[in-house]
Amino acid sequence: MLQTVHYVDEEPVTYRSDRDRVLFETIKSVLGLTVREIHPMLEKILAEGLDPVIADGELFEFGNYDVPPPNAKINLLEAAEICGRHIKTCEMLLSGEVDRAEAVLRNSIQWLEFWSVRGPTPEIREMFAKSLRKLLTGVMEE
C-alpha cells in the first residue's frame, strides 16, 4: 500500500509500506538528513551486502530489454526490479491463446522447409536447408 507523507523540510515522499516509513523516518531523525539524502546511502549499503561478487566490468545502463553481463557494475536492487519487469513483459507476450514463441518457431520451420525445396536456385535451397538444420539441432555449421 503506497503512502505519501508531507514533510516540512522536503517535498512529499511516497513509501511502499509502513515498515519503510518507520525505517526512513528513524534514520532521518537520527542523522538529521532528508529522506532523499538517506535513500541512496541506504540503497548502496543494502545492495553491497547482497552482491556476491566485486563487479569488475563496465558501468551498465539499462535500456529497452538489455540484460547486463554478470560482471557489470550495477545497482543490484535496480537489476532485480528491472528483471521482474522483464519477466512480466515476457509473460504478457506469451500469454495469448497460442504460445507466441511456439507459433513463431513453427512458422519459421515451415517456411524454411518450404524454401529448402522451392527455392529458385540450388544455392538458395541449400541456404534454407542449412538454416533449418541449425534451427532444429542448434548446431552451427561451417
C-alpha atoms as a PDB file:
ATOM      1  CA  MET A   1       0.000   0.000   0.000  1.00  0.00           C
ATOM      2  CA  LEU A   2       1.567   3.280  -1.093  1.00  0.00           C
ATOM      3  CA  GLN A   3       1.549   6.071   1.448  1.00  0.00           C
ATOM      4  CA  THR A   4       2.518   9.690   0.762  1.00  0.00           C
ATOM      5  CA  VAL A   5       3.855  11.765   3.648  1.00  0.00           C
ATOM      6  CA  HIS A   6       4.325  15.538   3.581  1.00  0.00           C
ATOM      7  CA  TYR A   7       7.353  16.885   5.449  1.00  0.00           C
ATOM      8  CA  VAL A   8       8.234  20.442   6.421  1.00  0.00           C
ATOM      9  CA  ASP A   9      11.852  20.184   5.261  1.00  0.00           C
ATOM     10  CA  GLU A  10      11.406  18.448   1.882  1.00  0.00           C
ATOM     11  CA  GLU A  11       8.978  17.531  -0.888  1.00  0.00           C
ATOM     12  CA  PRO A  12       6.379  14.793  -0.177  1.00  0.00           C
ATOM     13  CA  VAL A  13       7.717  11.244  -0.059  1.00  0.00           C
ATOM     14  CA  THR A  14       5.746   8.151  -1.063  1.00  0.00           C
ATOM     15  CA  TYR A  15       6.526   4.952   0.837  1.00  0.00           C
ATOM     16  CA  ARG A  16       5.747   1.396  -0.229  1.00  0.00           C
ATOM     17  CA  SER A  17       4.969   0.251   3.306  1.00  0.00           C
ATOM     18  CA  ASP A  18       4.749   1.391   6.935  1.00  0.00           C
ATOM     19  CA  ARG A  19       7.961  -0.535   7.617  1.00  0.00           C
ATOM     20  CA  ASP A  20       9.814   1.575   5.020  1.00  0.00           C
ATOM     21  CA  ARG A  21       8.377   4.766   6.501  1.00  0.00           C
ATOM     22  CA  VAL A  22       9.485   3.852  10.037  1.00  0.00           C
ATOM     23  CA  LEU A  23      12.971   2.904   8.817  1.00  0.00           C
ATOM     24  CA  PHE A  24      13.486   6.125   6.842  1.00  0.00           C
ATOM     25  CA  GLU A  25      11.966   8.401   9.474  1.00  0.00           C
ATOM     26  CA  THR A  26      14.148   6.847  12.185  1.00  0.00           C
ATOM     27  CA  ILE A  27      17.314   7.366  10.140  1.00  0.00           C
ATOM     28  CA  LYS A  28      16.107  10.863   9.172  1.00  0.00           C
ATOM     29  CA  SER A  29      15.684  11.746  12.824  1.00  0.00           C
ATOM     30  CA  VAL A  30      18.999  10.271  13.973  1.00  0.00           C
ATOM     31  CA  LEU A  31      21.144  11.732  11.170  1.00  0.00           C
ATOM     32  CA  GLY A  32      19.236  14.962  10.610  1.00  0.00           C
ATOM     33  CA  LEU A  33      19.077  14.366   6.852  1.00  0.00           C
ATOM     34  CA  THR A  34      16.211  14.320   4.379  1.00  0.00           C
ATOM     35  CA  VAL A  35      14.738  11.089   3.058  1.00  0.00           C
ATOM     36  CA  ARG A  36      16.123  11.938  -0.382  1.00  0.00           C
ATOM     37  CA  GLU A  37      19.614  12.192   1.114  1.00  0.00           C
ATOM     38  CA  ILE A  38      19.208   8.952   3.063  1.00  0.00           C
ATOM     39  CA  HIS A  39      17.727   6.832   0.274  1.00  0.00           C
ATOM     40  CA  PRO A  40      20.827   6.485  -1.994  1.00  0.00           C
ATOM     41  CA  MET A  41      23.069   5.748   1.020  1.00  0.00           C
ATOM     42  CA  LEU A  42      20.740   3.062   2.361  1.00  0.00           C
ATOM     43  CA  GLU A  43      20.244   1.545  -1.087  1.00  0.00           C
ATOM     44  CA  LYS A  44      24.020   1.317  -1.602  1.00  0.00           C
ATOM     45  CA  ILE A  45      24.544  -0.343   1.785  1.00  0.00           C
ATOM     46  CA  LEU A  46      21.804  -2.894   1.101  1.00  0.00           C
ATOM     47  CA  ALA A  47      22.947  -3.627  -2.458  1.00  0.00           C
ATOM     48  CA  GLU A  48      26.588  -4.103  -1.485  1.00  0.00           C
ATOM     49  CA  GLY A  49      25.543  -6.525   1.247  1.00  0.00           C
ATOM     50  CA  LEU A  50      23.569  -8.618  -1.249  1.00  0.00           C
ATOM     51  CA  ASP A  51      26.078  -8.735  -4.086  1.00  0.00           C
ATOM     52  CA  PRO A  52      28.158 -11.945  -4.037  1.00  0.00           C
ATOM     53  CA  VAL A  53      30.866 -10.558  -6.359  1.00  0.00           C
ATOM     54  CA  ILE A  54      33.009  -7.500  -6.770  1.00  0.00           C
ATOM     55  CA  ALA A  55      31.975  -6.216 -10.179  1.00  0.00           C
ATOM     56  CA  ASP A  56      34.988  -5.604 -12.390  1.00  0.00           C
ATOM     57  CA  GLY A  57      33.122  -4.889 -15.641  1.00  0.00           C
ATOM     58  CA  GLU A  58      31.850  -1.712 -17.232  1.00  0.00           C
ATOM     59  CA  LEU A  59      29.203   0.507 -15.683  1.00  0.00           C
ATOM     60  CA  PHE A  60      25.908  -0.738 -17.159  1.00  0.00           C
ATOM     61  CA  GLU A  61      22.989   1.498 -18.115  1.00  0.00           C
ATOM     62  CA  PHE A  62      19.617  -0.183 -18.615  1.00  0.00           C
ATOM     63  CA  GLY A  63      17.693   0.423 -21.806  1.00  0.00           C
ATOM     64  CA  ASN A  64      14.964  -1.426 -23.687  1.00  0.00           C
ATOM     65  CA  TYR A  65      15.263  -5.096 -22.746  1.00  0.00           C
ATOM     66  CA  ASP A  66      19.011  -5.127 -22.235  1.00  0.00           C
ATOM     67  CA  VAL A  67      20.447  -7.515 -19.685  1.00  0.00           C
ATOM     68  CA  PRO A  68      23.749  -6.683 -18.009  1.00  0.00           C
ATOM     69  CA  PRO A  69      26.701  -9.062 -18.209  1.00  0.00           C
ATOM     70  CA  PRO A  70      27.434 -10.882 -14.932  1.00  0.00           C
ATOM     71  CA  ASN A  71      30.441  -8.681 -14.124  1.00  0.00           C
ATOM     72  CA  ALA A  72      28.751  -5.317 -14.824  1.00  0.00           C
ATOM     73  CA  LYS A  73      28.962  -2.515 -12.313  1.00  0.00           C
ATOM     74  CA  ILE A  74      25.311  -2.107 -11.452  1.00  0.00           C
ATOM     75  CA  ASN A  75      22.886  -1.463  -8.632  1.00  0.00           C
ATOM     76  CA  LEU A  76      21.743  -4.969  -7.753  1.00  0.00           C
ATOM     77  CA  LEU A  77      18.400  -3.775  -6.366  1.00  0.00           C
ATOM     78  CA  GLU A  78      17.669  -1.918  -9.606  1.00  0.00           C
ATOM     79  CA  ALA A  79      18.661  -5.022 -11.569  1.00  0.00           C
ATOM     80  CA  ALA A  80      16.224  -7.150  -9.555  1.00  0.00           C
ATOM     81  CA  GLU A  81      13.428  -4.640 -10.138  1.00  0.00           C
ATOM     82  CA  ILE A  82      14.084  -4.483 -13.884  1.00  0.00           C
ATOM     83  CA  CYS A  83      14.376  -8.263 -14.075  1.00  0.00           C
ATOM     84  CA  GLY A  84      10.900  -8.510 -12.549  1.00  0.00           C
ATOM     85  CA  ARG A  85       9.580  -6.110 -15.191  1.00  0.00           C
ATOM     86  CA  HIS A  86      11.176  -8.205 -17.937  1.00  0.00           C
ATOM     87  CA  ILE A  87       9.540 -11.349 -16.531  1.00  0.00           C
ATOM     88  CA  LYS A  88       6.125  -9.687 -16.511  1.00  0.00           C
ATOM     89  CA  THR A  89       6.631  -8.432 -20.067  1.00  0.00           C
ATOM     90  CA  CYS A  90       7.645 -11.895 -21.272  1.00  0.00           C
ATOM     91  CA  GLU A  91       4.666 -13.477 -19.520  1.00  0.00           C
ATOM     92  CA  MET A  92       2.392 -10.949 -21.190  1.00  0.00           C
ATOM     93  CA  LEU A  93       3.897 -11.602 -24.623  1.00  0.00           C
ATOM     94  CA  LEU A  94       3.498 -15.349 -24.256  1.00  0.00           C
ATOM     95  CA  SER A  95       0.054 -15.350 -22.626  1.00  0.00           C
ATOM     96  CA  GLY A  96      -2.006 -15.203 -25.829  1.00  0.00           C
ATOM     97  CA  GLU A  97      -4.318 -18.002 -26.942  1.00  0.00           C
ATOM     98  CA  VAL A  98      -1.396 -19.649 -28.717  1.00  0.00           C
ATOM     99  CA  ASP A  99       2.059 -19.557 -27.231  1.00  0.00           C
ATOM    100  CA  ARG A 100       3.720 -16.941 -29.441  1.00  0.00           C
ATOM    101  CA  ALA A 101       7.194 -18.429 -29.139  1.00  0.00           C
ATOM    102  CA  GLU A 102       5.944 -21.802 -30.336  1.00  0.00           C
ATOM    103  CA  ALA A 103       3.927 -20.144 -33.090  1.00  0.00           C
ATOM    104  CA  VAL A 104       6.998 -18.208 -34.285  1.00  0.00           C
ATOM    105  CA  LEU A 105       9.147 -21.342 -34.164  1.00  0.00           C
ATOM    106  CA  ARG A 106       6.542 -23.412 -36.011  1.00  0.00           C
ATOM    107  CA  ASN A 107       6.122 -20.726 -38.681  1.00  0.00           C
ATOM    108  CA  SER A 108       9.884 -20.402 -39.146  1.00  0.00           C
ATOM    109  CA  ILE A 109      10.331 -24.154 -39.533  1.00  0.00           C
ATOM    110  CA  GLN A 110       7.538 -24.346 -42.068  1.00  0.00           C
ATOM    111  CA  TRP A 111       8.942 -21.518 -44.219  1.00  0.00           C
ATOM    112  CA  LEU A 112      12.461 -22.977 -44.079  1.00  0.00           C
ATOM    113  CA  GLU A 113      11.093 -26.363 -45.120  1.00  0.00           C
ATOM    114  CA  PHE A 114       9.184 -24.714 -47.944  1.00  0.00           C
ATOM    115  CA  TRP A 115      12.103 -22.711 -49.331  1.00  0.00           C
ATOM    116  CA  SER A 116      14.596 -25.554 -48.911  1.00  0.00           C
ATOM    117  CA  VAL A 117      12.511 -27.382 -51.505  1.00  0.00           C
ATOM    118  CA  ARG A 118      11.072 -24.484 -53.515  1.00  0.00           C
ATOM    119  CA  GLY A 119      13.951 -22.007 -53.563  1.00  0.00           C
ATOM    120  CA  PRO A 120      14.726 -20.829 -57.097  1.00  0.00           C
ATOM    121  CA  THR A 121      18.384 -21.953 -57.155  1.00  0.00           C
ATOM    122  CA  PRO A 122      20.360 -24.820 -55.594  1.00  0.00           C
ATOM    123  CA  GLU A 123      22.364 -22.283 -53.557  1.00  0.00           C
ATOM    124  CA  ILE A 124      19.228 -20.701 -52.077  1.00  0.00           C
ATOM    125  CA  ARG A 125      17.694 -24.111 -51.324  1.00  0.00           C
ATOM    126  CA  GLU A 126      20.901 -25.158 -49.570  1.00  0.00           C
ATOM    127  CA  MET A 127      20.968 -21.891 -47.593  1.00  0.00           C
ATOM    128  CA  PHE A 128      17.425 -22.538 -46.317  1.00  0.00           C
ATOM    129  CA  ALA A 129      18.199 -26.195 -45.631  1.00  0.00           C
ATOM    130  CA  LYS A 130      21.254 -25.168 -43.620  1.00  0.00           C
ATOM    131  CA  SER A 131      19.186 -22.638 -41.628  1.00  0.00           C
ATOM    132  CA  LEU A 132      16.577 -25.310 -40.974  1.00  0.00           C
ATOM    133  CA  ARG A 133      19.203 -27.756 -39.667  1.00  0.00           C
ATOM    134  CA  LYS A 134      20.610 -25.035 -37.382  1.00  0.00           C
ATOM    135  CA  LEU A 135      17.157 -24.209 -36.070  1.00  0.00           C
ATOM    136  CA  LEU A 136      16.222 -27.835 -35.443  1.00  0.00           C
ATOM    137  CA  THR A 137      19.542 -29.026 -33.995  1.00  0.00           C
ATOM    138  CA  GLY A 138      21.122 -25.848 -32.681  1.00  0.00           C
ATOM    139  CA  VAL A 139      24.371 -26.957 -34.331  1.00  0.00           C
ATOM    140  CA  MET A 140      26.344 -24.306 -36.155  1.00  0.00           C
ATOM    141  CA  GLU A 141      27.826 -25.484 -39.448  1.00  0.00           C
ATOM    142  CA  GLU A 142      30.903 -24.125 -41.176  1.00  0.00           C
END
